[in-house]
Amino acid sequence: MGKSSPSPPPAPDPVATAAAQTASNVETAKTQAALNRVNQYTPQGSVTWQQDPNDPLKYTSTQQYSPAEQHLFDLSVLMIGARGDVAEQARMRGLAAARLETLKSDILAQLDNPALSLTVLSAAHRISPRTIQLMFEQAGITYSGFVLEQRLLRAERLLRNPNLRARKIIEIAHLAGFHDVSYFHRAFRRRFGRTPDDVRKLSGEMG
């Protein structure tokens, strides 16, 4: 007798096939949704995405302008004559930005003053020290960070000034507002990757 032909494989269950395809499509949709929603950070601001824990296909986005872009947006809002909460928020942000610039100007004028402090500024501007800190934080910086950066930049400029080459490093530190020379050397090297003496020598060689 000849061998019997093998039985044909059973036909796929259409219900199971459809369920598998649906599951595959859902996973593909989840992956694509995640790929399309990448957090972005630029000098103009940021866009961040948050996935809904109850719905993996649902995302919410949050847009944050940089301080400069926010200021331009607020000016535009006020120029077109917007009213209500949007206009009021723009006005308040504009006032805060103007007050912050006034504070910065005052700080720059007193960088070499060893008495410069939050307490002194708050008394001069009639606002609390915490308010000053919050104003800087809302601009993406800190009060102490701003003061340190400006003092370091001033020291770096003074060290490169050919008219001040006869001044000692400790004198340059004092002119920039540093009265702890050891701290000045550490902060300067951390910021510029060179010692104050290195910067002065390099400037002399280039000049």
N, C-alpha and C. Protein backbone atom coordinates (compact mmCIF):
# COMPACT_ATOMS: atom_id res chain seq x y z
N MET A 1 0.85 -1.19 0.00
CA MET A 1 0.00 0.00 0.00
C MET A 1 0.88 1.24 0.00
N GLY A 2 0.44 2.27 -0.72
CA GLY A 2 1.21 3.50 -0.73
C GLY A 2 0.99 4.31 0.54
N LYS A 3 1.93 5.20 0.76
CA LYS A 3 1.81 6.04 1.94
C LYS A 3 0.69 7.04 1.75
N SER A 4 -0.04 7.30 2.84
CA SER A 4 -1.14 8.29 2.77
C SER A 4 -0.57 9.69 2.82
N SER A 5 -1.23 10.61 2.16
CA SER A 5 -0.80 12.00 2.15
C SER A 5 -1.00 12.61 3.54
N PRO A 6 -0.03 13.47 3.96
CA PRO A 6 -0.20 14.10 5.29
C PRO A 6 -1.42 14.99 5.31
N SER A 7 -2.00 15.06 6.47
CA SER A 7 -3.19 15.90 6.62
C SER A 7 -2.80 17.37 6.50
N PRO A 8 -3.57 18.18 5.84
CA PRO A 8 -3.25 19.62 5.73
C PRO A 8 -3.32 20.28 7.09
N PRO A 9 -2.46 21.30 7.32
CA PRO A 9 -2.51 21.99 8.62
C PRO A 9 -3.87 22.65 8.82
N PRO A 10 -4.26 22.72 10.04
CA PRO A 10 -5.58 23.34 10.28
C PRO A 10 -5.56 24.82 9.88
N ALA A 11 -6.64 25.30 9.43
CA ALA A 11 -6.75 26.72 9.05
C ALA A 11 -6.59 27.60 10.28
N PRO A 12 -5.87 28.71 10.14
CA PRO A 12 -5.70 29.59 11.30
C PRO A 12 -7.03 30.12 11.80
N ASP A 13 -7.08 30.23 13.10
CA ASP A 13 -8.30 30.76 13.72
C ASP A 13 -8.41 32.25 13.38
N PRO A 14 -9.40 32.69 12.66
CA PRO A 14 -9.49 34.11 12.26
C PRO A 14 -9.59 35.05 13.46
N VAL A 15 -10.22 34.59 14.51
CA VAL A 15 -10.36 35.45 15.69
C VAL A 15 -8.99 35.66 16.35
N ALA A 16 -8.23 34.55 16.51
CA ALA A 16 -6.90 34.65 17.12
C ALA A 16 -5.97 35.48 16.25
N THR A 17 -6.07 35.29 14.92
CA THR A 17 -5.22 36.04 14.00
C THR A 17 -5.50 37.54 14.09
N ALA A 18 -6.78 37.87 14.13
CA ALA A 18 -7.16 39.28 14.23
C ALA A 18 -6.69 39.88 15.55
N ALA A 19 -6.79 39.11 16.63
CA ALA A 19 -6.37 39.61 17.94
C ALA A 19 -4.87 39.85 17.96
N ALA A 20 -4.11 38.91 17.35
CA ALA A 20 -2.65 39.07 17.32
C ALA A 20 -2.25 40.29 16.50
N GLN A 21 -2.95 40.48 15.36
CA GLN A 21 -2.63 41.64 14.51
C GLN A 21 -2.97 42.94 15.22
N THR A 22 -4.07 42.94 15.94
CA THR A 22 -4.47 44.14 16.70
C THR A 22 -3.44 44.47 17.76
N ALA A 23 -2.98 43.44 18.48
CA ALA A 23 -1.97 43.65 19.53
C ALA A 23 -0.68 44.19 18.92
N SER A 24 -0.30 43.64 17.76
CA SER A 24 0.91 44.12 17.09
C SER A 24 0.75 45.57 16.66
N ASN A 25 -0.43 45.92 16.14
CA ASN A 25 -0.67 47.30 15.71
C ASN A 25 -0.62 48.27 16.89
N VAL A 26 -1.15 47.83 18.03
CA VAL A 26 -1.14 48.69 19.23
C VAL A 26 0.28 48.95 19.69
N GLU A 27 1.11 47.89 19.71
CA GLU A 27 2.50 48.05 20.13
C GLU A 27 3.26 48.97 19.17
N THR A 28 2.96 48.82 17.87
CA THR A 28 3.60 49.68 16.88
C THR A 28 3.19 51.14 17.09
N ALA A 29 1.90 51.34 17.38
CA ALA A 29 1.39 52.69 17.62
C ALA A 29 2.04 53.29 18.86
N LYS A 30 2.23 52.49 19.91
CA LYS A 30 2.87 52.98 21.14
C LYS A 30 4.31 53.42 20.84
N THR A 31 5.03 52.56 20.11
CA THR A 31 6.43 52.87 19.78
C THR A 31 6.53 54.14 18.95
N GLN A 32 5.64 54.27 17.96
CA GLN A 32 5.67 55.44 17.09
C GLN A 32 5.32 56.70 17.87
N ALA A 33 4.35 56.58 18.77
CA ALA A 33 3.96 57.74 19.58
C ALA A 33 5.12 58.21 20.45
N ALA A 34 5.85 57.24 21.02
CA ALA A 34 7.00 57.61 21.87
C ALA A 34 8.10 58.24 21.04
N LEU A 35 8.35 57.71 19.82
CA LEU A 35 9.39 58.25 18.96
C LEU A 35 9.07 59.66 18.50
N ASN A 36 7.79 59.95 18.34
CA ASN A 36 7.37 61.27 17.84
C ASN A 36 7.34 62.32 18.94
N ARG A 37 7.49 61.89 20.17
CA ARG A 37 7.38 62.82 21.29
C ARG A 37 8.68 62.84 22.09
N VAL A 38 9.67 63.48 21.51
CA VAL A 38 10.99 63.59 22.12
C VAL A 38 11.12 64.97 22.77
N ASN A 39 11.56 65.01 24.01
CA ASN A 39 11.78 66.29 24.68
C ASN A 39 12.81 67.11 23.91
N GLN A 40 12.53 68.39 23.74
CA GLN A 40 13.41 69.27 22.99
C GLN A 40 13.84 70.45 23.86
N TYR A 41 15.13 70.75 23.81
CA TYR A 41 15.68 71.87 24.57
C TYR A 41 16.53 72.72 23.64
N THR A 42 16.16 73.97 23.48
CA THR A 42 16.89 74.89 22.60
C THR A 42 17.09 76.21 23.32
N PRO A 43 17.92 77.11 22.78
CA PRO A 43 18.09 78.43 23.41
C PRO A 43 16.78 79.22 23.47
N GLN A 44 15.82 78.86 22.61
CA GLN A 44 14.54 79.56 22.60
C GLN A 44 13.55 79.04 23.64
N GLY A 45 13.84 77.87 24.19
CA GLY A 45 12.93 77.31 25.19
C GLY A 45 12.95 75.79 25.13
N SER A 46 11.87 75.17 25.61
CA SER A 46 11.82 73.71 25.64
C SER A 46 10.39 73.22 25.44
N VAL A 47 10.30 71.98 24.94
CA VAL A 47 9.02 71.27 24.84
C VAL A 47 9.23 69.90 25.46
N THR A 48 8.46 69.59 26.48
CA THR A 48 8.58 68.30 27.15
C THR A 48 7.25 67.56 27.07
N TRP A 49 7.33 66.23 27.04
CA TRP A 49 6.15 65.37 26.91
C TRP A 49 5.99 64.50 28.14
N GLN A 50 4.74 64.28 28.54
CA GLN A 50 4.43 63.44 29.69
C GLN A 50 3.39 62.42 29.26
N GLN A 51 3.70 61.13 29.45
CA GLN A 51 2.78 60.07 29.06
C GLN A 51 1.71 59.87 30.13
N ASP A 52 0.47 59.69 29.68
CA ASP A 52 -0.64 59.43 30.59
C ASP A 52 -0.51 58.01 31.13
N PRO A 53 -0.39 57.83 32.44
CA PRO A 53 -0.22 56.48 32.99
C PRO A 53 -1.41 55.57 32.71
N ASN A 54 -2.58 56.15 32.45
CA ASN A 54 -3.78 55.35 32.20
C ASN A 54 -4.04 55.10 30.72
N ASP A 55 -3.30 55.79 29.85
CA ASP A 55 -3.48 55.63 28.41
C ASP A 55 -2.13 55.81 27.74
N PRO A 56 -1.44 54.71 27.41
CA PRO A 56 -0.08 54.80 26.85
C PRO A 56 0.00 55.51 25.50
N LEU A 57 -1.13 55.72 24.85
CA LEU A 57 -1.12 56.43 23.57
C LEU A 57 -1.39 57.92 23.74
N LYS A 58 -1.65 58.35 24.97
CA LYS A 58 -1.98 59.75 25.22
C LYS A 58 -0.82 60.46 25.89
N TYR A 59 -0.43 61.60 25.32
CA TYR A 59 0.67 62.41 25.84
C TYR A 59 0.20 63.85 25.99
N THR A 60 0.75 64.53 26.95
CA THR A 60 0.51 65.96 27.08
C THR A 60 1.86 66.67 26.97
N SER A 61 1.86 67.83 26.32
CA SER A 61 3.11 68.56 26.13
C SER A 61 3.11 69.84 26.95
N THR A 62 4.28 70.26 27.36
CA THR A 62 4.46 71.51 28.08
C THR A 62 5.54 72.32 27.37
N GLN A 63 5.17 73.54 26.98
CA GLN A 63 6.13 74.41 26.29
C GLN A 63 6.59 75.50 27.24
N GLN A 64 7.89 75.68 27.29
CA GLN A 64 8.48 76.68 28.18
C GLN A 64 9.39 77.58 27.35
N TYR A 65 9.07 78.88 27.32
CA TYR A 65 9.93 79.82 26.59
C TYR A 65 11.16 80.16 27.42
N SER A 66 12.24 80.48 26.73
CA SER A 66 13.40 81.04 27.42
C SER A 66 13.02 82.44 27.91
N PRO A 67 13.74 83.01 28.89
CA PRO A 67 13.39 84.36 29.36
C PRO A 67 13.32 85.38 28.24
N ALA A 68 14.25 85.32 27.28
CA ALA A 68 14.25 86.29 26.19
C ALA A 68 13.03 86.11 25.29
N GLU A 69 12.72 84.84 24.95
CA GLU A 69 11.56 84.57 24.10
C GLU A 69 10.26 84.92 24.82
N GLN A 70 10.21 84.66 26.13
CA GLN A 70 9.01 85.00 26.89
C GLN A 70 8.78 86.50 26.88
N HIS A 71 9.87 87.26 26.99
CA HIS A 71 9.77 88.72 26.98
C HIS A 71 9.24 89.21 25.62
N LEU A 72 9.74 88.64 24.54
CA LEU A 72 9.26 89.02 23.20
C LEU A 72 7.79 88.65 23.03
N PHE A 73 7.41 87.48 23.55
CA PHE A 73 6.00 87.06 23.47
C PHE A 73 5.11 88.02 24.23
N ASP A 74 5.54 88.40 25.43
CA ASP A 74 4.75 89.31 26.25
C ASP A 74 4.60 90.67 25.57
N LEU A 75 5.67 91.16 24.96
CA LEU A 75 5.59 92.44 24.24
C LEU A 75 4.60 92.35 23.09
N SER A 76 4.62 91.22 22.40
CA SER A 76 3.68 91.03 21.28
C SER A 76 2.25 91.03 21.78
N VAL A 77 2.02 90.34 22.90
CA VAL A 77 0.67 90.28 23.48
C VAL A 77 0.16 91.69 23.81
N LEU A 78 1.02 92.49 24.42
CA LEU A 78 0.62 93.83 24.81
C LEU A 78 0.45 94.75 23.60
N MET A 79 1.28 94.55 22.57
CA MET A 79 1.20 95.40 21.38
C MET A 79 -0.09 95.18 20.59
N ILE A 80 -0.60 93.95 20.59
CA ILE A 80 -1.83 93.69 19.84
C ILE A 80 -3.08 94.03 20.67
N GLY A 81 -2.85 94.51 21.87
CA GLY A 81 -3.98 94.97 22.68
C GLY A 81 -4.76 93.87 23.36
N ALA A 82 -4.09 92.79 23.71
CA ALA A 82 -4.78 91.70 24.39
C ALA A 82 -5.32 92.17 25.75
N ARG A 83 -6.40 91.52 26.18
CA ARG A 83 -7.01 91.89 27.45
C ARG A 83 -7.13 90.66 28.35
N GLY A 84 -7.58 90.89 29.55
CA GLY A 84 -7.85 89.79 30.46
C GLY A 84 -6.60 89.23 31.11
N ASP A 85 -6.68 87.93 31.48
CA ASP A 85 -5.60 87.29 32.24
C ASP A 85 -4.29 87.24 31.47
N VAL A 86 -4.38 86.98 30.16
CA VAL A 86 -3.16 86.87 29.35
C VAL A 86 -2.39 88.19 29.37
N ALA A 87 -3.11 89.29 29.18
CA ALA A 87 -2.46 90.61 29.19
C ALA A 87 -1.91 90.94 30.57
N GLU A 88 -2.66 90.59 31.61
CA GLU A 88 -2.21 90.89 32.97
C GLU A 88 -0.94 90.09 33.30
N GLN A 89 -0.91 88.82 32.89
CA GLN A 89 0.28 88.00 33.13
C GLN A 89 1.48 88.56 32.38
N ALA A 90 1.23 89.02 31.14
CA ALA A 90 2.32 89.60 30.35
C ALA A 90 2.85 90.86 31.02
N ARG A 91 1.95 91.69 31.53
CA ARG A 91 2.39 92.92 32.21
C ARG A 91 3.20 92.58 33.46
N MET A 92 2.74 91.60 34.22
CA MET A 92 3.45 91.23 35.45
C MET A 92 4.84 90.67 35.13
N ARG A 93 4.91 89.84 34.08
CA ARG A 93 6.23 89.31 33.70
C ARG A 93 7.14 90.43 33.21
N GLY A 94 6.55 91.40 32.51
CA GLY A 94 7.34 92.53 32.02
C GLY A 94 7.90 93.35 33.17
N LEU A 95 7.09 93.57 34.19
CA LEU A 95 7.55 94.31 35.36
C LEU A 95 8.65 93.54 36.09
N ALA A 96 8.46 92.22 36.20
CA ALA A 96 9.47 91.39 36.86
C ALA A 96 10.79 91.42 36.09
N ALA A 97 10.70 91.36 34.75
CA ALA A 97 11.91 91.39 33.93
C ALA A 97 12.64 92.72 34.07
N ALA A 98 11.87 93.81 34.10
CA ALA A 98 12.48 95.13 34.24
C ALA A 98 13.14 95.28 35.61
N ARG A 99 12.47 94.76 36.65
CA ARG A 99 13.05 94.84 38.00
C ARG A 99 14.31 94.00 38.10
N LEU A 100 14.30 92.84 37.43
CA LEU A 100 15.48 91.98 37.45
C LEU A 100 16.66 92.67 36.77
N GLU A 101 16.41 93.35 35.65
CA GLU A 101 17.48 94.05 34.96
C GLU A 101 18.03 95.19 35.83
N THR A 102 17.15 95.84 36.60
CA THR A 102 17.61 96.88 37.51
C THR A 102 18.51 96.29 38.60
N LEU A 103 18.11 95.13 39.11
CA LEU A 103 18.92 94.45 40.12
C LEU A 103 20.29 94.07 39.55
N LYS A 104 20.29 93.55 38.34
CA LYS A 104 21.55 93.15 37.72
C LYS A 104 22.47 94.35 37.54
N SER A 105 21.91 95.46 37.10
CA SER A 105 22.72 96.67 36.91
C SER A 105 23.32 97.14 38.23
N ASP A 106 22.52 97.06 39.29
CA ASP A 106 23.00 97.46 40.61
C ASP A 106 24.12 96.53 41.08
N ILE A 107 23.96 95.24 40.83
CA ILE A 107 25.00 94.27 41.22
C ILE A 107 26.29 94.55 40.47
N LEU A 108 26.19 94.79 39.16
CA LEU A 108 27.39 95.05 38.36
C LEU A 108 28.12 96.30 38.83
N ALA A 109 27.35 97.27 39.30
CA ALA A 109 27.96 98.51 39.77
C ALA A 109 28.67 98.32 41.11
N GLN A 110 28.35 97.21 41.81
CA GLN A 110 28.94 96.99 43.14
C GLN A 110 29.77 95.72 43.23
N LEU A 111 30.18 95.18 42.10
CA LEU A 111 30.88 93.90 42.12
C LEU A 111 32.11 93.90 43.03
N ASP A 112 32.81 95.01 43.08
CA ASP A 112 34.03 95.06 43.90
C ASP A 112 33.76 95.40 45.35
N ASN A 113 32.50 95.56 45.70
CA ASN A 113 32.13 95.94 47.06
C ASN A 113 32.00 94.68 47.92
N PRO A 114 32.84 94.51 48.92
CA PRO A 114 32.76 93.32 49.77
C PRO A 114 31.46 93.23 50.56
N ALA A 115 30.77 94.36 50.68
CA ALA A 115 29.52 94.37 51.45
C ALA A 115 28.30 93.98 50.59
N LEU A 116 28.51 93.75 49.29
CA LEU A 116 27.39 93.37 48.43
C LEU A 116 26.77 92.07 48.92
N SER A 117 25.47 92.10 49.13
CA SER A 117 24.78 90.90 49.64
C SER A 117 23.29 91.01 49.33
N LEU A 118 22.59 89.91 49.51
CA LEU A 118 21.14 89.92 49.34
C LEU A 118 20.49 90.91 50.29
N THR A 119 21.01 91.00 51.50
CA THR A 119 20.43 91.91 52.49
C THR A 119 20.56 93.36 52.05
N VAL A 120 21.72 93.71 51.54
CA VAL A 120 21.95 95.08 51.06
C VAL A 120 21.04 95.39 49.88
N LEU A 121 20.93 94.47 48.94
CA LEU A 121 20.09 94.69 47.77
C LEU A 121 18.62 94.78 48.14
N SER A 122 18.19 93.91 49.04
CA SER A 122 16.77 93.91 49.42
C SER A 122 16.39 95.22 50.10
N ALA A 123 17.30 95.77 50.90
CA ALA A 123 17.04 97.04 51.56
C ALA A 123 17.00 98.18 50.54
N ALA A 124 17.91 98.14 49.58
CA ALA A 124 17.98 99.20 48.58
C ALA A 124 16.77 99.19 47.65
N HIS A 125 16.27 97.99 47.34
CA HIS A 125 15.17 97.86 46.38
C HIS A 125 13.82 97.61 47.06
N ARG A 126 13.83 97.55 48.38
CA ARG A 126 12.61 97.39 49.17
C ARG A 126 11.83 96.13 48.80
N ILE A 127 12.56 95.05 48.63
CA ILE A 127 11.95 93.73 48.43
C ILE A 127 12.72 92.74 49.29
N SER A 128 12.11 91.61 49.57
CA SER A 128 12.75 90.65 50.47
C SER A 128 13.87 89.91 49.76
N PRO A 129 14.85 89.41 50.53
CA PRO A 129 15.91 88.61 49.92
C PRO A 129 15.37 87.41 49.15
N ARG A 130 14.32 86.77 49.68
CA ARG A 130 13.75 85.61 49.00
C ARG A 130 13.13 85.99 47.66
N THR A 131 12.52 87.18 47.60
CA THR A 131 11.95 87.64 46.34
C THR A 131 13.04 87.82 45.29
N ILE A 132 14.18 88.36 45.70
CA ILE A 132 15.30 88.53 44.77
C ILE A 132 15.76 87.16 44.27
N GLN A 133 15.88 86.20 45.18
CA GLN A 133 16.30 84.86 44.77
C GLN A 133 15.31 84.26 43.77
N LEU A 134 14.02 84.42 44.02
CA LEU A 134 13.00 83.87 43.13
C LEU A 134 13.04 84.54 41.76
N MET A 135 13.30 85.83 41.71
CA MET A 135 13.37 86.53 40.43
C MET A 135 14.50 85.98 39.57
N PHE A 136 15.64 85.71 40.20
CA PHE A 136 16.75 85.12 39.45
C PHE A 136 16.43 83.70 39.03
N GLU A 137 15.83 82.93 39.93
CA GLU A 137 15.51 81.53 39.63
C GLU A 137 14.51 81.43 38.48
N GLN A 138 13.55 82.34 38.44
CA GLN A 138 12.58 82.34 37.35
C GLN A 138 13.23 82.66 36.00
N ALA A 139 14.39 83.30 36.04
CA ALA A 139 15.13 83.60 34.81
C ALA A 139 16.13 82.49 34.49
N GLY A 140 16.11 81.41 35.26
CA GLY A 140 16.95 80.26 34.96
C GLY A 140 18.33 80.31 35.57
N ILE A 141 18.56 81.22 36.51
CA ILE A 141 19.86 81.33 37.16
C ILE A 141 19.63 81.51 38.66
N THR A 142 20.71 81.60 39.41
CA THR A 142 20.60 81.91 40.83
C THR A 142 21.31 83.22 41.12
N TYR A 143 20.93 83.86 42.20
CA TYR A 143 21.58 85.12 42.57
C TYR A 143 23.08 84.91 42.76
N SER A 144 23.44 83.91 43.56
CA SER A 144 24.87 83.68 43.84
C SER A 144 25.62 83.28 42.58
N GLY A 145 24.97 82.49 41.73
CA GLY A 145 25.60 82.10 40.47
C GLY A 145 25.85 83.28 39.56
N PHE A 146 24.89 84.22 39.51
CA PHE A 146 25.05 85.40 38.68
C PHE A 146 26.21 86.26 39.19
N VAL A 147 26.25 86.49 40.49
CA VAL A 147 27.32 87.33 41.07
C VAL A 147 28.68 86.69 40.83
N LEU A 148 28.79 85.38 41.05
CA LEU A 148 30.07 84.70 40.85
C LEU A 148 30.51 84.79 39.38
N GLU A 149 29.59 84.53 38.47
CA GLU A 149 29.93 84.57 37.05
C GLU A 149 30.41 85.95 36.62
N GLN A 150 29.73 86.98 37.08
CA GLN A 150 30.11 88.34 36.69
C GLN A 150 31.46 88.73 37.29
N ARG A 151 31.73 88.30 38.51
CA ARG A 151 33.01 88.60 39.12
C ARG A 151 34.15 87.87 38.40
N LEU A 152 33.90 86.63 38.01
CA LEU A 152 34.92 85.88 37.27
C LEU A 152 35.18 86.50 35.90
N LEU A 153 34.12 86.92 35.23
CA LEU A 153 34.29 87.56 33.92
C LEU A 153 35.07 88.88 34.05
N ARG A 154 34.78 89.62 35.12
CA ARG A 154 35.51 90.87 35.34
C ARG A 154 36.99 90.57 35.61
N ALA A 155 37.26 89.58 36.45
CA ALA A 155 38.64 89.23 36.75
C ALA A 155 39.38 88.82 35.48
N GLU A 156 38.72 88.04 34.63
CA GLU A 156 39.36 87.58 33.39
C GLU A 156 39.68 88.76 32.48
N ARG A 157 38.77 89.74 32.40
CA ARG A 157 39.02 90.94 31.58
C ARG A 157 40.18 91.75 32.16
N LEU A 158 40.22 91.89 33.48
CA LEU A 158 41.29 92.66 34.11
C LEU A 158 42.65 91.99 33.90
N LEU A 159 42.67 90.68 33.95
CA LEU A 159 43.93 89.96 33.76
C LEU A 159 44.46 90.12 32.33
N ARG A 160 43.56 90.31 31.39
CA ARG A 160 43.97 90.48 29.99
C ARG A 160 44.29 91.94 29.65
N ASN A 161 44.01 92.83 30.57
CA ASN A 161 44.24 94.25 30.31
C ASN A 161 45.74 94.56 30.42
N PRO A 162 46.35 94.99 29.31
CA PRO A 162 47.81 95.25 29.35
C PRO A 162 48.18 96.37 30.31
N ASN A 163 47.24 97.26 30.60
CA ASN A 163 47.53 98.37 31.51
C ASN A 163 47.59 97.93 32.98
N LEU A 164 47.17 96.69 33.24
CA LEU A 164 47.13 96.22 34.63
C LEU A 164 48.10 95.07 34.89
N ARG A 165 49.07 94.89 33.99
CA ARG A 165 50.00 93.76 34.14
C ARG A 165 50.91 93.91 35.35
N ALA A 166 51.08 95.13 35.80
CA ALA A 166 51.93 95.34 36.97
C ALA A 166 51.20 95.02 38.27
N ARG A 167 49.88 94.89 38.20
CA ARG A 167 49.10 94.59 39.41
C ARG A 167 49.27 93.12 39.78
N LYS A 168 49.31 92.84 41.06
CA LYS A 168 49.41 91.48 41.53
C LYS A 168 48.07 90.77 41.36
N ILE A 169 48.12 89.44 41.31
CA ILE A 169 46.89 88.64 41.16
C ILE A 169 45.92 88.93 42.30
N ILE A 170 46.45 89.09 43.51
CA ILE A 170 45.58 89.36 44.65
C ILE A 170 44.85 90.70 44.48
N GLU A 171 45.50 91.68 43.86
CA GLU A 171 44.86 92.97 43.61
C GLU A 171 43.75 92.83 42.57
N ILE A 172 44.01 92.03 41.54
CA ILE A 172 42.99 91.78 40.52
C ILE A 172 41.78 91.10 41.15
N ALA A 173 42.05 90.14 42.03
CA ALA A 173 40.96 89.44 42.71
C ALA A 173 40.10 90.42 43.51
N HIS A 174 40.74 91.34 44.21
CA HIS A 174 40.01 92.33 45.00
C HIS A 174 39.21 93.27 44.11
N LEU A 175 39.79 93.67 42.99
CA LEU A 175 39.09 94.55 42.06
C LEU A 175 37.84 93.89 41.48
N ALA A 176 37.88 92.57 41.38
CA ALA A 176 36.73 91.83 40.85
C ALA A 176 35.74 91.45 41.94
N GLY A 177 36.06 91.77 43.19
CA GLY A 177 35.13 91.49 44.27
C GLY A 177 35.43 90.25 45.08
N PHE A 178 36.57 89.61 44.82
CA PHE A 178 36.95 88.41 45.59
C PHE A 178 37.88 88.83 46.73
N HIS A 179 37.50 88.44 47.92
CA HIS A 179 38.34 88.78 49.06
C HIS A 179 38.85 87.54 49.77
N ASP A 180 38.58 86.38 49.15
CA ASP A 180 39.19 85.11 49.57
C ASP A 180 39.98 84.64 48.35
N VAL A 181 41.28 84.86 48.37
CA VAL A 181 42.10 84.61 47.19
C VAL A 181 42.16 83.13 46.84
N SER A 182 42.18 82.26 47.83
CA SER A 182 42.20 80.82 47.56
C SER A 182 40.93 80.40 46.82
N TYR A 183 39.81 80.92 47.28
CA TYR A 183 38.53 80.61 46.61
C TYR A 183 38.53 81.17 45.19
N PHE A 184 39.08 82.37 45.03
CA PHE A 184 39.17 82.98 43.70
C PHE A 184 39.94 82.08 42.73
N HIS A 185 41.09 81.58 43.16
CA HIS A 185 41.90 80.72 42.29
C HIS A 185 41.14 79.45 41.91
N ARG A 186 40.44 78.85 42.87
CA ARG A 186 39.70 77.62 42.59
C ARG A 186 38.55 77.89 41.62
N ALA A 187 37.78 78.93 41.90
CA ALA A 187 36.62 79.25 41.06
C ALA A 187 37.07 79.65 39.65
N PHE A 188 38.15 80.39 39.57
CA PHE A 188 38.64 80.85 38.26
C PHE A 188 39.08 79.65 37.40
N ARG A 189 39.83 78.75 37.99
CA ARG A 189 40.30 77.60 37.23
C ARG A 189 39.13 76.70 36.82
N ARG A 190 38.17 76.56 37.69
CA ARG A 190 37.00 75.74 37.37
C ARG A 190 36.21 76.37 36.22
N ARG A 191 36.13 77.69 36.17
CA ARG A 191 35.35 78.38 35.14
C ARG A 191 36.09 78.45 33.80
N PHE A 192 37.38 78.74 33.81
CA PHE A 192 38.11 78.99 32.56
C PHE A 192 39.09 77.88 32.18
N GLY A 193 39.30 76.92 33.08
CA GLY A 193 40.21 75.84 32.75
C GLY A 193 41.67 76.23 32.83
N ARG A 194 41.96 77.41 33.31
CA ARG A 194 43.34 77.90 33.48
C ARG A 194 43.42 78.68 34.79
N THR A 195 44.64 78.83 35.30
CA THR A 195 44.83 79.66 36.49
C THR A 195 44.86 81.13 36.07
N PRO A 196 44.63 82.05 36.99
CA PRO A 196 44.74 83.47 36.66
C PRO A 196 46.11 83.82 36.08
N ASP A 197 47.16 83.22 36.62
CA ASP A 197 48.51 83.50 36.12
C ASP A 197 48.67 83.00 34.68
N ASP A 198 48.08 81.84 34.37
CA ASP A 198 48.13 81.30 33.00
C ASP A 198 47.46 82.27 32.02
N VAL A 199 46.29 82.79 32.40
CA VAL A 199 45.57 83.71 31.52
C VAL A 199 46.38 84.98 31.28
N ARG A 200 47.00 85.49 32.32
CA ARG A 200 47.81 86.71 32.16
C ARG A 200 49.01 86.44 31.25
N LYS A 201 49.69 85.32 31.45
CA LYS A 201 50.85 85.02 30.61
C LYS A 201 50.44 84.82 29.16
N LEU A 202 49.34 84.10 28.95
CA LEU A 202 48.87 83.85 27.59
C LEU A 202 48.49 85.16 26.91
N SER A 203 47.85 86.03 27.66
CA SER A 203 47.47 87.34 27.11
C SER A 203 48.70 88.14 26.73
N GLY A 204 49.76 88.09 27.55
CA GLY A 204 50.98 88.81 27.27
C GLY A 204 51.68 88.28 26.03
N GLU A 205 51.64 86.94 25.85
CA GLU A 205 52.26 86.33 24.69
C GLU A 205 51.52 86.71 23.40
N MET A 206 50.21 86.77 23.49
CA MET A 206 49.41 87.11 22.32
C MET A 206 49.51 88.60 21.98
N GLY A 207 49.72 89.41 23.04
CA GLY A 207 49.83 90.85 22.82
C GLY A 207 51.18 91.23 22.32
